[in-house]
């Protein structure tokens, strides 16, 4: 399926060690309809659909995309283009203090100066500590 470009294997990037790892890869589909047909549409997995959509857009923009980890924190995407890194978290809505804390904290523990962005469907922005918050639709059209 990977050779036929139906799915994309996304490796893991150790942010602290600054190296790509081969373990715990994630897979994203090239067509969300294929995903829904194979595992069924589940409204409870809307965040997963948004994450897949953001992956496809980052890939389309020419970034090398990895998932990331620093300590026990997960980062949805670590992107690289021309030697520059950028970090992304994806959430459906930042509707609770727990969700806000989870999404921003994963980026706050990264101690470098590369851009960090939280993408969600929220229309009110909640940027903090230099981490940009952007609406998904705005992200897709910019």
N, C-alpha and C. Protein backbone atom coordinates (compact mmCIF):
# COMPACT_ATOMS: atom_id res chain seq x y z
N UNK A 1 0.83 -1.20 0.00
CA UNK A 1 0.00 0.00 0.00
C UNK A 1 0.86 1.25 0.00
N UNK A 2 2.00 1.17 0.67
CA UNK A 2 2.91 2.31 0.68
C UNK A 2 3.49 2.56 -0.72
N UNK A 3 3.88 1.49 -1.40
CA UNK A 3 4.44 1.62 -2.75
C UNK A 3 3.42 2.16 -3.75
N UNK A 4 2.14 1.92 -3.47
CA UNK A 4 1.08 2.43 -4.34
C UNK A 4 0.60 3.82 -3.90
N UNK A 5 1.27 4.41 -2.92
CA UNK A 5 0.95 5.76 -2.42
C UNK A 5 -0.46 5.86 -1.82
N UNK A 6 -0.94 4.74 -1.28
CA UNK A 6 -2.23 4.77 -0.59
C UNK A 6 -2.05 5.19 0.86
N UNK A 7 -0.90 4.85 1.43
CA UNK A 7 -0.60 5.24 2.81
C UNK A 7 0.81 5.81 2.87
N UNK A 8 1.06 6.56 3.92
CA UNK A 8 2.39 7.14 4.17
C UNK A 8 2.87 6.67 5.53
N UNK A 9 4.06 6.11 5.57
CA UNK A 9 4.68 5.73 6.83
C UNK A 9 5.44 6.93 7.36
N UNK A 10 5.17 7.30 8.60
CA UNK A 10 5.80 8.46 9.21
C UNK A 10 6.60 7.99 10.41
N UNK A 11 7.91 8.15 10.31
CA UNK A 11 8.81 7.73 11.37
C UNK A 11 8.79 8.69 12.54
N UNK A 12 9.51 8.32 13.56
CA UNK A 12 9.57 9.10 14.80
C UNK A 12 10.88 9.87 14.87
N UNK A 13 10.82 11.08 15.43
CA UNK A 13 11.98 11.94 15.60
C UNK A 13 12.19 12.18 17.09
N UNK A 14 13.38 11.84 17.57
CA UNK A 14 13.74 12.10 18.97
C UNK A 14 14.20 13.55 19.05
N UNK A 15 13.37 14.41 19.62
CA UNK A 15 13.64 15.84 19.62
C UNK A 15 14.87 16.16 20.46
N UNK A 16 14.99 15.55 21.61
CA UNK A 16 16.14 15.82 22.48
C UNK A 16 17.44 15.32 21.85
N UNK A 17 17.41 14.11 21.29
CA UNK A 17 18.60 13.54 20.67
C UNK A 17 18.83 14.00 19.25
N UNK A 18 17.86 14.71 18.68
CA UNK A 18 17.93 15.24 17.32
C UNK A 18 18.27 14.17 16.29
N UNK A 19 17.52 13.05 16.34
CA UNK A 19 17.76 12.01 15.36
C UNK A 19 16.45 11.30 15.03
N UNK A 20 16.41 10.77 13.82
CA UNK A 20 15.24 10.01 13.36
C UNK A 20 15.36 8.58 13.84
N UNK A 21 14.23 8.03 14.30
CA UNK A 21 14.18 6.66 14.80
C UNK A 21 13.28 5.84 13.90
N UNK A 22 13.48 4.56 13.89
CA UNK A 22 12.67 3.67 13.06
C UNK A 22 11.53 3.02 13.83
N UNK A 23 11.50 3.17 15.14
CA UNK A 23 10.44 2.52 15.90
C UNK A 23 9.21 3.40 16.05
N UNK A 24 8.10 2.75 16.32
CA UNK A 24 6.81 3.39 16.58
C UNK A 24 6.37 4.34 15.46
N UNK A 25 6.45 3.87 14.24
CA UNK A 25 5.99 4.68 13.11
C UNK A 25 4.47 4.76 13.13
N UNK A 26 3.95 5.81 12.54
CA UNK A 26 2.50 5.96 12.36
C UNK A 26 2.23 5.95 10.86
N UNK A 27 1.00 5.64 10.52
CA UNK A 27 0.61 5.61 9.12
C UNK A 27 -0.55 6.57 8.89
N UNK A 28 -0.48 7.28 7.78
CA UNK A 28 -1.54 8.19 7.39
C UNK A 28 -1.98 7.82 5.97
N UNK A 29 -3.28 7.92 5.72
CA UNK A 29 -3.80 7.55 4.40
C UNK A 29 -3.79 8.75 3.47
N UNK A 30 -3.65 8.46 2.19
CA UNK A 30 -3.65 9.51 1.19
C UNK A 30 -5.06 9.98 0.85
N UNK A 31 -6.05 9.18 1.19
CA UNK A 31 -7.45 9.50 0.91
C UNK A 31 -8.27 9.11 2.13
N UNK A 32 -8.88 10.10 2.76
CA UNK A 32 -9.65 9.82 3.98
C UNK A 32 -10.83 8.91 3.72
N UNK A 33 -11.33 8.89 2.49
CA UNK A 33 -12.41 7.97 2.14
C UNK A 33 -11.97 6.52 2.25
N UNK A 34 -10.71 6.24 1.87
CA UNK A 34 -10.17 4.88 2.02
C UNK A 34 -10.09 4.51 3.50
N UNK A 35 -9.67 5.45 4.31
CA UNK A 35 -9.60 5.21 5.76
C UNK A 35 -10.99 4.87 6.31
N UNK A 36 -11.96 5.68 5.96
CA UNK A 36 -13.32 5.45 6.44
C UNK A 36 -13.89 4.13 5.92
N UNK A 37 -13.57 3.77 4.68
CA UNK A 37 -14.07 2.52 4.12
C UNK A 37 -13.44 1.30 4.80
N UNK A 38 -12.17 1.42 5.19
CA UNK A 38 -11.49 0.26 5.76
C UNK A 38 -11.77 0.08 7.25
N UNK A 39 -11.83 1.17 8.01
CA UNK A 39 -12.06 1.02 9.46
C UNK A 39 -13.40 1.58 9.91
N UNK A 40 -14.13 2.19 8.97
CA UNK A 40 -15.42 2.77 9.31
C UNK A 40 -15.28 4.18 9.84
N UNK A 41 -16.28 4.98 9.60
CA UNK A 41 -16.28 6.35 10.11
C UNK A 41 -16.70 6.33 11.56
N UNK A 42 -15.90 6.94 12.40
CA UNK A 42 -16.22 7.05 13.82
C UNK A 42 -16.14 8.52 14.21
N UNK A 43 -17.26 9.07 14.59
CA UNK A 43 -17.29 10.49 14.95
C UNK A 43 -16.36 10.78 16.12
N UNK A 44 -16.16 9.80 16.98
CA UNK A 44 -15.27 10.00 18.14
C UNK A 44 -13.81 10.16 17.72
N UNK A 45 -13.47 9.81 16.48
CA UNK A 45 -12.09 9.92 16.01
C UNK A 45 -11.90 11.11 15.09
N UNK A 46 -12.67 12.15 15.30
CA UNK A 46 -12.58 13.34 14.46
C UNK A 46 -11.19 13.97 14.55
N UNK A 47 -10.59 13.94 15.73
CA UNK A 47 -9.23 14.48 15.90
C UNK A 47 -8.24 13.72 15.02
N UNK A 48 -8.42 12.40 14.91
CA UNK A 48 -7.55 11.60 14.04
C UNK A 48 -7.68 11.98 12.58
N UNK A 49 -8.90 12.28 12.16
CA UNK A 49 -9.12 12.73 10.79
C UNK A 49 -8.44 14.07 10.54
N UNK A 50 -8.54 14.98 11.51
CA UNK A 50 -7.89 16.29 11.37
C UNK A 50 -6.37 16.13 11.33
N UNK A 51 -5.84 15.24 12.17
CA UNK A 51 -4.40 15.00 12.18
C UNK A 51 -3.95 14.47 10.81
N UNK A 52 -4.71 13.55 10.24
CA UNK A 52 -4.39 13.02 8.91
C UNK A 52 -4.43 14.13 7.87
N UNK A 53 -5.43 15.00 7.95
CA UNK A 53 -5.55 16.11 7.02
C UNK A 53 -4.35 17.05 7.12
N UNK A 54 -3.93 17.37 8.33
CA UNK A 54 -2.77 18.26 8.52
C UNK A 54 -1.51 17.58 7.98
N UNK A 55 -1.36 16.28 8.24
CA UNK A 55 -0.22 15.57 7.68
C UNK A 55 -0.18 15.72 6.16
N UNK A 56 -1.31 15.47 5.50
CA UNK A 56 -1.36 15.55 4.04
C UNK A 56 -0.97 16.95 3.55
N UNK A 57 -1.41 17.97 4.25
CA UNK A 57 -1.08 19.34 3.84
C UNK A 57 0.41 19.62 4.04
N UNK A 58 0.97 19.20 5.16
CA UNK A 58 2.41 19.39 5.39
C UNK A 58 3.23 18.65 4.34
N UNK A 59 2.81 17.44 4.03
CA UNK A 59 3.49 16.63 3.01
C UNK A 59 3.38 17.32 1.65
N UNK A 60 2.20 17.84 1.33
CA UNK A 60 1.98 18.53 0.05
C UNK A 60 2.88 19.76 -0.06
N UNK A 61 3.14 20.42 1.06
CA UNK A 61 3.99 21.62 1.07
C UNK A 61 5.48 21.28 0.97
N UNK A 62 5.80 20.01 0.93
CA UNK A 62 7.18 19.61 0.71
C UNK A 62 8.01 19.40 1.97
N UNK A 63 7.37 19.34 3.13
CA UNK A 63 8.10 19.09 4.36
C UNK A 63 8.41 17.61 4.52
N UNK A 64 9.53 17.31 5.15
CA UNK A 64 9.78 15.96 5.65
C UNK A 64 9.06 15.90 6.99
N UNK A 65 8.12 14.98 7.13
CA UNK A 65 7.25 14.95 8.31
C UNK A 65 7.57 13.72 9.15
N UNK A 66 7.71 13.95 10.45
CA UNK A 66 7.90 12.88 11.43
C UNK A 66 6.97 13.14 12.59
N UNK A 67 6.73 12.10 13.39
CA UNK A 67 6.09 12.34 14.68
C UNK A 67 7.23 12.58 15.66
N UNK A 68 6.93 13.20 16.77
CA UNK A 68 8.01 13.56 17.67
C UNK A 68 7.77 13.14 19.10
N UNK A 69 8.86 13.10 19.82
CA UNK A 69 8.78 12.80 21.23
C UNK A 69 9.93 13.46 21.96
N UNK A 70 9.60 13.98 23.12
CA UNK A 70 10.62 14.52 24.02
C UNK A 70 10.21 14.08 25.41
N UNK A 71 11.00 13.20 26.00
CA UNK A 71 10.62 12.62 27.27
C UNK A 71 9.34 11.83 27.10
N UNK A 72 8.36 12.10 27.97
CA UNK A 72 7.07 11.41 27.90
C UNK A 72 6.05 12.15 27.04
N UNK A 73 6.43 13.29 26.50
CA UNK A 73 5.51 14.10 25.70
C UNK A 73 5.57 13.71 24.23
N UNK A 74 4.41 13.68 23.62
CA UNK A 74 4.28 13.39 22.20
C UNK A 74 4.02 14.69 21.44
N UNK A 75 4.63 14.81 20.29
CA UNK A 75 4.39 15.93 19.40
C UNK A 75 3.85 15.35 18.10
N UNK A 76 2.70 15.84 17.66
CA UNK A 76 2.06 15.26 16.49
C UNK A 76 2.98 15.26 15.27
N UNK A 77 3.58 16.43 14.98
CA UNK A 77 4.43 16.50 13.80
C UNK A 77 5.67 17.34 14.05
N UNK A 78 6.79 16.81 13.61
CA UNK A 78 8.05 17.55 13.53
C UNK A 78 8.35 17.62 12.04
N UNK A 79 8.44 18.82 11.51
CA UNK A 79 8.67 18.97 10.08
C UNK A 79 10.04 19.56 9.83
N UNK A 80 10.60 19.22 8.69
CA UNK A 80 11.90 19.76 8.32
C UNK A 80 11.86 20.13 6.84
N UNK A 81 12.41 21.30 6.57
CA UNK A 81 12.55 21.75 5.18
C UNK A 81 13.74 22.69 5.15
N UNK A 82 14.66 22.42 4.29
CA UNK A 82 15.88 23.24 4.15
C UNK A 82 16.62 23.38 5.48
N UNK A 83 16.65 22.32 6.26
CA UNK A 83 17.39 22.32 7.52
C UNK A 83 16.69 23.01 8.68
N UNK A 84 15.50 23.54 8.44
CA UNK A 84 14.74 24.23 9.49
C UNK A 84 13.63 23.32 10.01
N UNK A 85 13.48 23.27 11.32
CA UNK A 85 12.43 22.46 11.94
C UNK A 85 11.23 23.32 12.29
N UNK A 86 10.08 22.67 12.40
CA UNK A 86 8.87 23.31 12.91
C UNK A 86 8.03 22.21 13.56
N UNK A 87 7.36 22.56 14.65
CA UNK A 87 6.59 21.59 15.42
C UNK A 87 5.10 21.93 15.36
N UNK A 88 4.25 20.87 15.28
CA UNK A 88 2.81 21.06 15.20
C UNK A 88 2.09 20.10 16.12
N UNK A 89 1.07 20.62 16.79
CA UNK A 89 0.10 19.82 17.54
C UNK A 89 -1.24 20.04 16.88
N UNK A 90 -2.07 18.99 16.81
CA UNK A 90 -3.38 19.08 16.18
C UNK A 90 -4.43 18.62 17.18
N UNK A 91 -5.47 19.43 17.34
CA UNK A 91 -6.59 19.08 18.22
C UNK A 91 -7.88 19.53 17.56
N UNK A 92 -8.95 18.81 17.84
CA UNK A 92 -10.25 19.22 17.30
C UNK A 92 -10.62 20.58 17.88
N UNK A 93 -10.78 20.64 19.19
CA UNK A 93 -11.10 21.88 19.89
C UNK A 93 -10.30 21.97 21.17
N UNK A 94 -9.94 23.17 21.54
CA UNK A 94 -9.28 23.40 22.83
C UNK A 94 -10.38 23.81 23.81
N UNK A 95 -11.27 22.87 24.08
CA UNK A 95 -12.50 23.17 24.81
C UNK A 95 -12.36 23.06 26.33
N UNK A 96 -11.33 22.42 26.80
CA UNK A 96 -11.17 22.27 28.25
C UNK A 96 -9.76 22.68 28.65
N UNK A 97 -9.59 23.10 29.89
CA UNK A 97 -8.24 23.44 30.37
C UNK A 97 -7.26 22.26 30.23
N UNK A 98 -7.76 21.04 30.39
CA UNK A 98 -6.90 19.86 30.27
C UNK A 98 -6.38 19.70 28.84
N UNK A 99 -7.25 19.93 27.87
CA UNK A 99 -6.84 19.82 26.47
C UNK A 99 -5.84 20.91 26.12
N UNK A 100 -6.10 22.13 26.56
CA UNK A 100 -5.17 23.24 26.31
C UNK A 100 -3.81 22.90 26.91
N UNK A 101 -3.80 22.43 28.14
CA UNK A 101 -2.54 22.10 28.81
C UNK A 101 -1.80 20.98 28.07
N UNK A 102 -2.50 19.94 27.68
CA UNK A 102 -1.87 18.81 26.98
C UNK A 102 -1.23 19.26 25.67
N UNK A 103 -1.98 20.02 24.87
CA UNK A 103 -1.49 20.41 23.55
C UNK A 103 -0.33 21.39 23.64
N UNK A 104 -0.42 22.38 24.52
CA UNK A 104 0.65 23.37 24.62
C UNK A 104 1.86 22.84 25.38
N UNK A 105 1.62 22.05 26.42
CA UNK A 105 2.73 21.55 27.23
C UNK A 105 3.71 20.72 26.40
N UNK A 106 3.19 19.90 25.49
CA UNK A 106 4.07 19.08 24.64
C UNK A 106 5.04 19.94 23.85
N UNK A 107 4.63 21.13 23.48
CA UNK A 107 5.50 22.05 22.73
C UNK A 107 6.37 22.89 23.67
N UNK A 108 5.85 23.21 24.84
CA UNK A 108 6.61 24.04 25.79
C UNK A 108 7.85 23.34 26.32
N UNK A 109 7.85 22.03 26.38
CA UNK A 109 9.02 21.31 26.91
C UNK A 109 10.16 21.25 25.90
N UNK A 110 9.91 21.63 24.66
CA UNK A 110 10.97 21.65 23.64
C UNK A 110 11.77 22.93 23.83
N UNK A 111 13.04 22.77 24.11
CA UNK A 111 13.88 23.92 24.46
C UNK A 111 14.73 24.38 23.29
N UNK A 112 14.11 24.65 22.16
CA UNK A 112 14.81 25.29 21.06
C UNK A 112 13.95 26.44 20.55
N UNK A 113 14.42 27.14 19.58
CA UNK A 113 13.71 28.33 19.12
C UNK A 113 13.02 28.16 17.78
N UNK A 114 12.80 26.92 17.37
CA UNK A 114 12.06 26.70 16.13
C UNK A 114 10.58 26.98 16.35
N UNK A 115 9.85 27.36 15.30
CA UNK A 115 8.43 27.68 15.44
C UNK A 115 7.61 26.49 15.94
N UNK A 116 6.64 26.81 16.78
CA UNK A 116 5.75 25.80 17.36
C UNK A 116 4.32 26.29 17.16
N UNK A 117 3.44 25.39 16.69
CA UNK A 117 2.08 25.77 16.34
C UNK A 117 1.08 24.72 16.82
N UNK A 118 -0.03 25.19 17.39
CA UNK A 118 -1.17 24.33 17.71
C UNK A 118 -2.26 24.66 16.69
N UNK A 119 -2.77 23.63 16.04
CA UNK A 119 -3.82 23.79 15.02
C UNK A 119 -5.10 23.16 15.55
N UNK A 120 -6.20 23.92 15.51
CA UNK A 120 -7.49 23.38 15.95
C UNK A 120 -8.61 24.06 15.16
N UNK A 121 -9.82 23.62 15.42
CA UNK A 121 -10.99 24.21 14.78
C UNK A 121 -11.50 25.44 15.52
N UNK A 122 -10.88 25.80 16.63
CA UNK A 122 -11.30 26.96 17.41
C UNK A 122 -11.15 28.23 16.58
N UNK A 123 -12.06 29.17 16.78
CA UNK A 123 -11.98 30.45 16.09
C UNK A 123 -11.37 31.53 16.96
N UNK A 124 -11.32 31.28 18.27
CA UNK A 124 -10.68 32.22 19.19
C UNK A 124 -9.28 31.68 19.48
N UNK A 125 -8.28 32.52 19.30
CA UNK A 125 -6.91 32.07 19.42
C UNK A 125 -6.44 32.09 20.87
N UNK A 126 -5.63 31.10 21.22
CA UNK A 126 -5.14 30.94 22.58
C UNK A 126 -3.62 30.80 22.61
N UNK A 127 -2.91 31.54 21.79
CA UNK A 127 -1.46 31.45 21.76
C UNK A 127 -0.90 31.73 23.14
N UNK A 128 0.23 31.05 23.46
CA UNK A 128 0.88 31.31 24.74
C UNK A 128 2.34 30.91 24.68
N UNK A 129 3.14 31.61 25.45
CA UNK A 129 4.58 31.33 25.58
C UNK A 129 5.28 31.20 24.22
N UNK A 130 4.91 32.03 23.27
CA UNK A 130 5.54 32.00 21.96
C UNK A 130 5.04 30.91 21.04
N UNK A 131 4.08 30.13 21.49
CA UNK A 131 3.49 29.06 20.67
C UNK A 131 2.25 29.62 19.99
N UNK A 132 2.25 29.56 18.68
CA UNK A 132 1.16 30.12 17.88
C UNK A 132 -0.01 29.14 17.85
N UNK A 133 -1.20 29.66 17.94
CA UNK A 133 -2.42 28.88 17.78
C UNK A 133 -3.11 29.38 16.53
N UNK A 134 -3.52 28.45 15.66
CA UNK A 134 -4.13 28.84 14.39
C UNK A 134 -5.33 27.93 14.10
N UNK A 135 -6.31 28.50 13.47
CA UNK A 135 -7.50 27.75 13.05
C UNK A 135 -7.12 26.86 11.86
N UNK A 136 -7.65 25.66 11.81
CA UNK A 136 -7.33 24.70 10.76
C UNK A 136 -7.59 25.28 9.37
N UNK A 137 -8.74 25.92 9.18
CA UNK A 137 -9.07 26.46 7.86
C UNK A 137 -8.07 27.53 7.44
N UNK A 138 -7.65 28.38 8.39
CA UNK A 138 -6.65 29.40 8.08
C UNK A 138 -5.33 28.74 7.71
N UNK A 139 -4.96 27.69 8.44
CA UNK A 139 -3.74 26.95 8.14
C UNK A 139 -3.77 26.39 6.72
N UNK A 140 -4.91 25.84 6.32
CA UNK A 140 -5.01 25.22 5.01
C UNK A 140 -4.93 26.21 3.85
N UNK A 141 -5.36 27.45 4.08
CA UNK A 141 -5.36 28.41 2.97
C UNK A 141 -4.13 29.33 2.96
N UNK A 142 -3.27 29.22 3.98
CA UNK A 142 -2.07 30.07 3.99
C UNK A 142 -0.85 29.34 3.51
